[in-house]
N, C-alpha and C. Protein backbone atom coordinates (compact mmCIF):
# COMPACT_ATOMS: atom_id res chain seq x y z
N UNK A 1 5.79 -1.28 13.13
CA UNK A 1 5.03 -0.58 12.11
C UNK A 1 3.86 -1.46 11.69
N UNK A 2 2.72 -0.83 11.51
CA UNK A 2 1.51 -1.52 11.09
C UNK A 2 1.23 -1.19 9.63
N UNK A 3 1.06 -2.23 8.83
CA UNK A 3 0.93 -2.12 7.39
C UNK A 3 -0.44 -2.63 6.95
N UNK A 4 -1.02 -1.95 5.97
CA UNK A 4 -2.22 -2.45 5.32
C UNK A 4 -1.89 -2.65 3.85
N UNK A 5 -2.24 -3.79 3.32
CA UNK A 5 -2.04 -4.11 1.91
C UNK A 5 -3.41 -4.23 1.26
N UNK A 6 -3.68 -3.37 0.29
CA UNK A 6 -4.92 -3.43 -0.47
C UNK A 6 -4.55 -3.93 -1.87
N UNK A 7 -4.92 -5.15 -2.17
CA UNK A 7 -4.53 -5.75 -3.45
C UNK A 7 -5.60 -6.69 -3.94
N UNK A 8 -5.60 -6.86 -5.26
CA UNK A 8 -6.57 -7.77 -5.85
C UNK A 8 -5.96 -8.62 -6.95
N UNK A 9 -4.64 -8.72 -7.00
CA UNK A 9 -4.09 -9.51 -8.09
C UNK A 9 -2.73 -10.10 -7.82
N UNK A 10 -2.06 -9.65 -6.80
CA UNK A 10 -0.74 -10.21 -6.52
C UNK A 10 -0.87 -11.32 -5.50
N UNK A 11 0.16 -12.10 -5.37
CA UNK A 11 0.16 -13.19 -4.41
C UNK A 11 0.31 -12.60 -3.01
N UNK A 12 -0.80 -12.32 -2.37
CA UNK A 12 -0.78 -11.61 -1.10
C UNK A 12 -0.06 -12.37 0.00
N UNK A 13 -0.12 -13.69 0.00
CA UNK A 13 0.53 -14.45 1.07
C UNK A 13 2.05 -14.32 0.99
N UNK A 14 2.64 -14.41 -0.19
CA UNK A 14 4.09 -14.27 -0.30
C UNK A 14 4.51 -12.83 -0.01
N UNK A 15 3.67 -11.87 -0.42
CA UNK A 15 3.95 -10.46 -0.12
C UNK A 15 3.89 -10.22 1.39
N UNK A 16 2.88 -10.79 2.02
CA UNK A 16 2.73 -10.69 3.47
C UNK A 16 3.93 -11.30 4.18
N UNK A 17 4.37 -12.46 3.75
CA UNK A 17 5.54 -13.10 4.36
C UNK A 17 6.80 -12.27 4.18
N UNK A 18 6.95 -11.65 3.01
CA UNK A 18 8.10 -10.79 2.76
C UNK A 18 8.10 -9.62 3.75
N UNK A 19 6.95 -9.02 3.97
CA UNK A 19 6.83 -7.93 4.93
C UNK A 19 7.22 -8.38 6.33
N UNK A 20 6.65 -9.50 6.74
CA UNK A 20 6.88 -9.96 8.11
C UNK A 20 8.32 -10.37 8.36
N UNK A 21 9.08 -10.61 7.30
CA UNK A 21 10.50 -10.94 7.46
C UNK A 21 11.35 -9.68 7.68
N UNK A 22 10.76 -8.52 7.51
CA UNK A 22 11.49 -7.27 7.65
C UNK A 22 11.48 -6.79 9.11
N UNK A 23 12.57 -6.18 9.50
CA UNK A 23 12.70 -5.65 10.86
C UNK A 23 11.70 -4.50 11.05
N UNK A 24 11.03 -4.51 12.19
CA UNK A 24 10.15 -3.41 12.56
C UNK A 24 8.71 -3.55 12.13
N UNK A 25 8.38 -4.59 11.38
CA UNK A 25 6.99 -4.80 10.96
C UNK A 25 6.29 -5.61 12.05
N UNK A 26 5.29 -5.02 12.65
CA UNK A 26 4.57 -5.69 13.73
C UNK A 26 3.31 -6.40 13.24
N UNK A 27 2.70 -5.82 12.22
CA UNK A 27 1.43 -6.37 11.77
C UNK A 27 1.21 -5.99 10.30
N UNK A 28 0.61 -6.90 9.57
CA UNK A 28 0.17 -6.59 8.20
C UNK A 28 -1.22 -7.17 8.02
N UNK A 29 -2.11 -6.33 7.54
CA UNK A 29 -3.49 -6.74 7.25
C UNK A 29 -3.69 -6.63 5.75
N UNK A 30 -4.32 -7.63 5.17
CA UNK A 30 -4.53 -7.68 3.72
C UNK A 30 -6.02 -7.59 3.42
N UNK A 31 -6.37 -6.68 2.49
CA UNK A 31 -7.76 -6.49 2.09
C UNK A 31 -7.88 -6.52 0.58
N UNK A 32 -8.99 -7.08 0.10
CA UNK A 32 -9.28 -7.10 -1.33
C UNK A 32 -10.48 -6.23 -1.66
N UNK A 33 -11.07 -5.61 -0.66
CA UNK A 33 -12.26 -4.79 -0.86
C UNK A 33 -12.11 -3.49 -0.07
N UNK A 34 -12.62 -2.41 -0.65
CA UNK A 34 -12.42 -1.10 -0.05
C UNK A 34 -13.20 -0.90 1.25
N UNK A 35 -14.40 -1.42 1.36
CA UNK A 35 -15.22 -1.15 2.54
C UNK A 35 -14.59 -1.72 3.81
N UNK A 36 -14.19 -3.00 3.84
CA UNK A 36 -13.54 -3.51 5.05
C UNK A 36 -12.20 -2.81 5.33
N UNK A 37 -11.49 -2.44 4.27
CA UNK A 37 -10.21 -1.74 4.45
C UNK A 37 -10.44 -0.38 5.11
N UNK A 38 -11.45 0.36 4.64
CA UNK A 38 -11.76 1.66 5.23
C UNK A 38 -12.17 1.53 6.69
N UNK A 39 -12.96 0.51 7.00
CA UNK A 39 -13.38 0.29 8.39
C UNK A 39 -12.17 -0.01 9.27
N UNK A 40 -11.25 -0.81 8.74
CA UNK A 40 -10.05 -1.15 9.51
C UNK A 40 -9.21 0.10 9.77
N UNK A 41 -9.01 0.94 8.74
CA UNK A 41 -8.21 2.15 8.89
C UNK A 41 -8.85 3.10 9.91
N UNK A 42 -10.17 3.18 9.90
CA UNK A 42 -10.88 4.07 10.82
C UNK A 42 -10.73 3.63 12.28
N UNK A 43 -10.56 2.34 12.51
CA UNK A 43 -10.53 1.82 13.89
C UNK A 43 -9.13 1.48 14.39
N UNK A 44 -8.14 1.45 13.51
CA UNK A 44 -6.81 0.98 13.89
C UNK A 44 -5.73 1.95 13.43
N UNK A 45 -4.61 1.89 14.10
CA UNK A 45 -3.45 2.68 13.71
C UNK A 45 -2.75 1.99 12.55
N UNK A 46 -2.68 2.66 11.42
CA UNK A 46 -2.01 2.13 10.23
C UNK A 46 -0.92 3.12 9.84
N UNK A 47 0.32 2.66 9.82
CA UNK A 47 1.43 3.54 9.48
C UNK A 47 1.60 3.73 7.98
N UNK A 48 1.36 2.65 7.24
CA UNK A 48 1.60 2.71 5.80
C UNK A 48 0.64 1.77 5.09
N UNK A 49 0.15 2.23 3.94
CA UNK A 49 -0.75 1.44 3.10
C UNK A 49 -0.04 1.18 1.78
N UNK A 50 -0.09 -0.06 1.35
CA UNK A 50 0.41 -0.44 0.02
C UNK A 50 -0.82 -0.73 -0.83
N UNK A 51 -0.99 0.08 -1.87
CA UNK A 51 -2.19 0.06 -2.69
C UNK A 51 -1.87 -0.42 -4.11
N UNK A 52 -2.44 -1.55 -4.48
CA UNK A 52 -2.27 -2.11 -5.82
C UNK A 52 -3.13 -1.31 -6.80
N UNK A 53 -2.51 -0.77 -7.85
CA UNK A 53 -3.24 0.06 -8.81
C UNK A 53 -3.60 -0.68 -10.09
N UNK A 54 -3.31 -1.96 -10.18
CA UNK A 54 -3.49 -2.69 -11.44
C UNK A 54 -4.91 -3.19 -11.69
N UNK A 55 -5.75 -3.18 -10.69
CA UNK A 55 -7.12 -3.66 -10.87
C UNK A 55 -7.92 -2.63 -11.67
N UNK A 56 -8.28 -2.98 -12.89
CA UNK A 56 -8.97 -2.04 -13.77
C UNK A 56 -10.43 -1.83 -13.41
N UNK A 57 -10.97 -2.64 -12.51
CA UNK A 57 -12.36 -2.48 -12.09
C UNK A 57 -12.51 -1.44 -10.98
N UNK A 58 -11.39 -0.97 -10.45
CA UNK A 58 -11.42 0.00 -9.36
C UNK A 58 -10.53 1.18 -9.72
N UNK A 59 -11.03 2.39 -9.51
CA UNK A 59 -10.25 3.60 -9.73
C UNK A 59 -9.32 3.79 -8.54
N UNK A 60 -8.03 3.54 -8.73
CA UNK A 60 -7.09 3.62 -7.60
C UNK A 60 -7.03 5.02 -7.01
N UNK A 61 -7.29 6.07 -7.78
CA UNK A 61 -7.30 7.44 -7.23
C UNK A 61 -8.44 7.60 -6.24
N UNK A 62 -9.59 6.99 -6.54
CA UNK A 62 -10.71 7.02 -5.61
C UNK A 62 -10.35 6.30 -4.31
N UNK A 63 -9.74 5.12 -4.44
CA UNK A 63 -9.34 4.36 -3.26
C UNK A 63 -8.31 5.14 -2.46
N UNK A 64 -7.32 5.70 -3.13
CA UNK A 64 -6.28 6.52 -2.47
C UNK A 64 -6.93 7.66 -1.67
N UNK A 65 -7.81 8.41 -2.33
CA UNK A 65 -8.46 9.55 -1.66
C UNK A 65 -9.37 9.10 -0.52
N UNK A 66 -10.02 7.95 -0.68
CA UNK A 66 -10.86 7.41 0.39
C UNK A 66 -10.02 7.09 1.63
N UNK A 67 -8.88 6.47 1.41
CA UNK A 67 -8.01 6.14 2.54
C UNK A 67 -7.45 7.40 3.18
N UNK A 68 -7.03 8.36 2.37
CA UNK A 68 -6.46 9.61 2.90
C UNK A 68 -7.50 10.41 3.67
N UNK A 69 -8.77 10.33 3.25
CA UNK A 69 -9.82 11.09 3.93
C UNK A 69 -10.05 10.57 5.35
N UNK A 70 -9.71 9.33 5.60
CA UNK A 70 -9.86 8.75 6.93
C UNK A 70 -8.69 9.15 7.82
N UNK A 71 -7.49 9.05 7.28
CA UNK A 71 -6.29 9.43 8.04
C UNK A 71 -5.27 10.00 7.07
N UNK A 72 -5.17 11.30 7.03
CA UNK A 72 -4.27 11.97 6.10
C UNK A 72 -2.80 11.75 6.42
N UNK A 73 -2.49 11.31 7.64
CA UNK A 73 -1.09 11.11 8.03
C UNK A 73 -0.55 9.74 7.62
N UNK A 74 -1.43 8.81 7.29
CA UNK A 74 -0.98 7.50 6.84
C UNK A 74 -0.36 7.62 5.46
N UNK A 75 0.85 7.11 5.32
CA UNK A 75 1.55 7.16 4.03
C UNK A 75 1.03 6.04 3.13
N UNK A 76 0.93 6.35 1.83
CA UNK A 76 0.44 5.36 0.87
C UNK A 76 1.48 5.16 -0.22
N UNK A 77 1.82 3.88 -0.43
CA UNK A 77 2.75 3.47 -1.48
C UNK A 77 1.92 2.74 -2.53
N UNK A 78 2.08 3.17 -3.78
CA UNK A 78 1.35 2.53 -4.86
C UNK A 78 2.18 1.43 -5.50
N UNK A 79 1.51 0.34 -5.85
CA UNK A 79 2.14 -0.82 -6.50
C UNK A 79 1.52 -0.98 -7.88
N UNK A 80 2.37 -1.20 -8.88
CA UNK A 80 1.84 -1.39 -10.22
C UNK A 80 2.81 -2.19 -11.08
N UNK A 81 2.25 -2.81 -12.08
CA UNK A 81 3.07 -3.49 -13.09
C UNK A 81 3.48 -2.53 -14.19
N UNK A 82 2.96 -1.32 -14.14
CA UNK A 82 3.14 -0.36 -15.23
C UNK A 82 3.89 0.88 -14.75
N UNK A 83 4.99 1.19 -15.37
CA UNK A 83 5.79 2.34 -14.99
C UNK A 83 5.10 3.66 -15.32
N UNK A 84 4.21 3.66 -16.31
CA UNK A 84 3.57 4.90 -16.74
C UNK A 84 2.64 5.51 -15.70
N UNK A 85 2.31 4.78 -14.65
CA UNK A 85 1.46 5.31 -13.57
C UNK A 85 2.27 6.14 -12.57
N UNK A 86 3.58 6.07 -12.63
CA UNK A 86 4.43 6.69 -11.61
C UNK A 86 4.22 8.20 -11.51
N UNK A 87 4.15 8.88 -12.62
CA UNK A 87 3.97 10.34 -12.59
C UNK A 87 2.66 10.69 -11.91
N UNK A 88 1.58 10.00 -12.27
CA UNK A 88 0.28 10.25 -11.63
C UNK A 88 0.32 9.94 -10.13
N UNK A 89 1.07 8.93 -9.76
CA UNK A 89 1.19 8.58 -8.34
C UNK A 89 1.82 9.71 -7.55
N UNK A 90 2.89 10.26 -8.06
CA UNK A 90 3.55 11.35 -7.35
C UNK A 90 2.73 12.64 -7.40
N UNK A 91 2.00 12.85 -8.48
CA UNK A 91 1.14 14.04 -8.57
C UNK A 91 0.03 14.01 -7.53
N UNK A 92 -0.48 12.82 -7.24
CA UNK A 92 -1.55 12.71 -6.26
C UNK A 92 -1.02 12.79 -4.82
N UNK A 93 0.30 12.60 -4.66
CA UNK A 93 0.89 12.71 -3.33
C UNK A 93 1.33 11.41 -2.71
N UNK A 94 1.46 10.37 -3.51
CA UNK A 94 1.89 9.07 -2.98
C UNK A 94 3.27 9.18 -2.34
N UNK A 95 3.45 8.43 -1.27
CA UNK A 95 4.73 8.39 -0.56
C UNK A 95 5.81 7.77 -1.43
N UNK A 96 5.43 6.74 -2.18
CA UNK A 96 6.37 6.09 -3.10
C UNK A 96 5.57 5.27 -4.10
N UNK A 97 6.29 4.72 -5.06
CA UNK A 97 5.70 3.96 -6.15
C UNK A 97 6.63 2.79 -6.45
N UNK A 98 6.11 1.58 -6.40
CA UNK A 98 6.93 0.39 -6.65
C UNK A 98 6.37 -0.39 -7.83
N UNK A 99 7.29 -0.83 -8.68
CA UNK A 99 6.93 -1.66 -9.82
C UNK A 99 6.92 -3.13 -9.38
N UNK A 100 5.83 -3.83 -9.75
CA UNK A 100 5.74 -5.25 -9.44
C UNK A 100 6.49 -6.07 -10.49
N UNK A 101 7.06 -7.17 -10.15
CA UNK A 101 7.02 -7.77 -8.82
C UNK A 101 7.94 -7.03 -7.85
N UNK A 102 7.42 -6.78 -6.67
CA UNK A 102 8.15 -6.04 -5.65
C UNK A 102 9.19 -6.96 -5.00
N UNK A 103 10.36 -6.41 -4.82
CA UNK A 103 11.46 -7.15 -4.20
C UNK A 103 11.67 -6.66 -2.76
N UNK A 104 12.23 -7.52 -1.96
CA UNK A 104 12.45 -7.20 -0.55
C UNK A 104 13.28 -5.93 -0.38
N UNK A 105 14.30 -5.75 -1.21
CA UNK A 105 15.16 -4.57 -1.11
C UNK A 105 14.36 -3.29 -1.37
N UNK A 106 13.36 -3.35 -2.24
CA UNK A 106 12.50 -2.20 -2.49
C UNK A 106 11.67 -1.85 -1.25
N UNK A 107 11.13 -2.87 -0.61
CA UNK A 107 10.36 -2.65 0.61
C UNK A 107 11.24 -2.05 1.70
N UNK A 108 12.45 -2.58 1.83
CA UNK A 108 13.38 -2.05 2.84
C UNK A 108 13.68 -0.58 2.59
N UNK A 109 13.87 -0.21 1.33
CA UNK A 109 14.14 1.20 0.99
C UNK A 109 12.96 2.09 1.36
N UNK A 110 11.76 1.67 1.02
CA UNK A 110 10.56 2.47 1.31
C UNK A 110 10.39 2.60 2.82
N UNK A 111 10.53 1.51 3.53
CA UNK A 111 10.32 1.54 4.98
C UNK A 111 11.38 2.38 5.68
N UNK A 112 12.60 2.39 5.13
CA UNK A 112 13.66 3.21 5.75
C UNK A 112 13.36 4.70 5.63
N UNK A 113 12.56 5.09 4.66
CA UNK A 113 12.19 6.49 4.51
C UNK A 113 11.24 6.94 5.62
N UNK A 114 10.64 6.00 6.31
CA UNK A 114 9.70 6.33 7.40
C UNK A 114 10.43 6.66 8.69
N UNK A 115 11.69 6.29 8.80
CA UNK A 115 12.45 6.52 10.05
C UNK A 115 12.66 7.97 10.35
């Protein structure tokens, strides 16, 4: 499985290592900016995107829709420190919603839904 992580505030290296320790993860790419992330999605097969919604300088709904407009079949999981975003996440069509700090068991549960 190929994963894209779009984040601007979490410890991306530890998150990346947690992903790579999971069975079936072949690649994870980490982006902090929307333009390179969109270019990567357009040129590469991405199975799942993990989108950090905590950055107040970026409208996560805009980022979500931008990613979906490139490949509507790619599943998007939203990450947040705030539980109150969960309803909006599901209303927009997110595959799942995880509260930070994300634990390995949460990632395993989300990834098992892709099988």
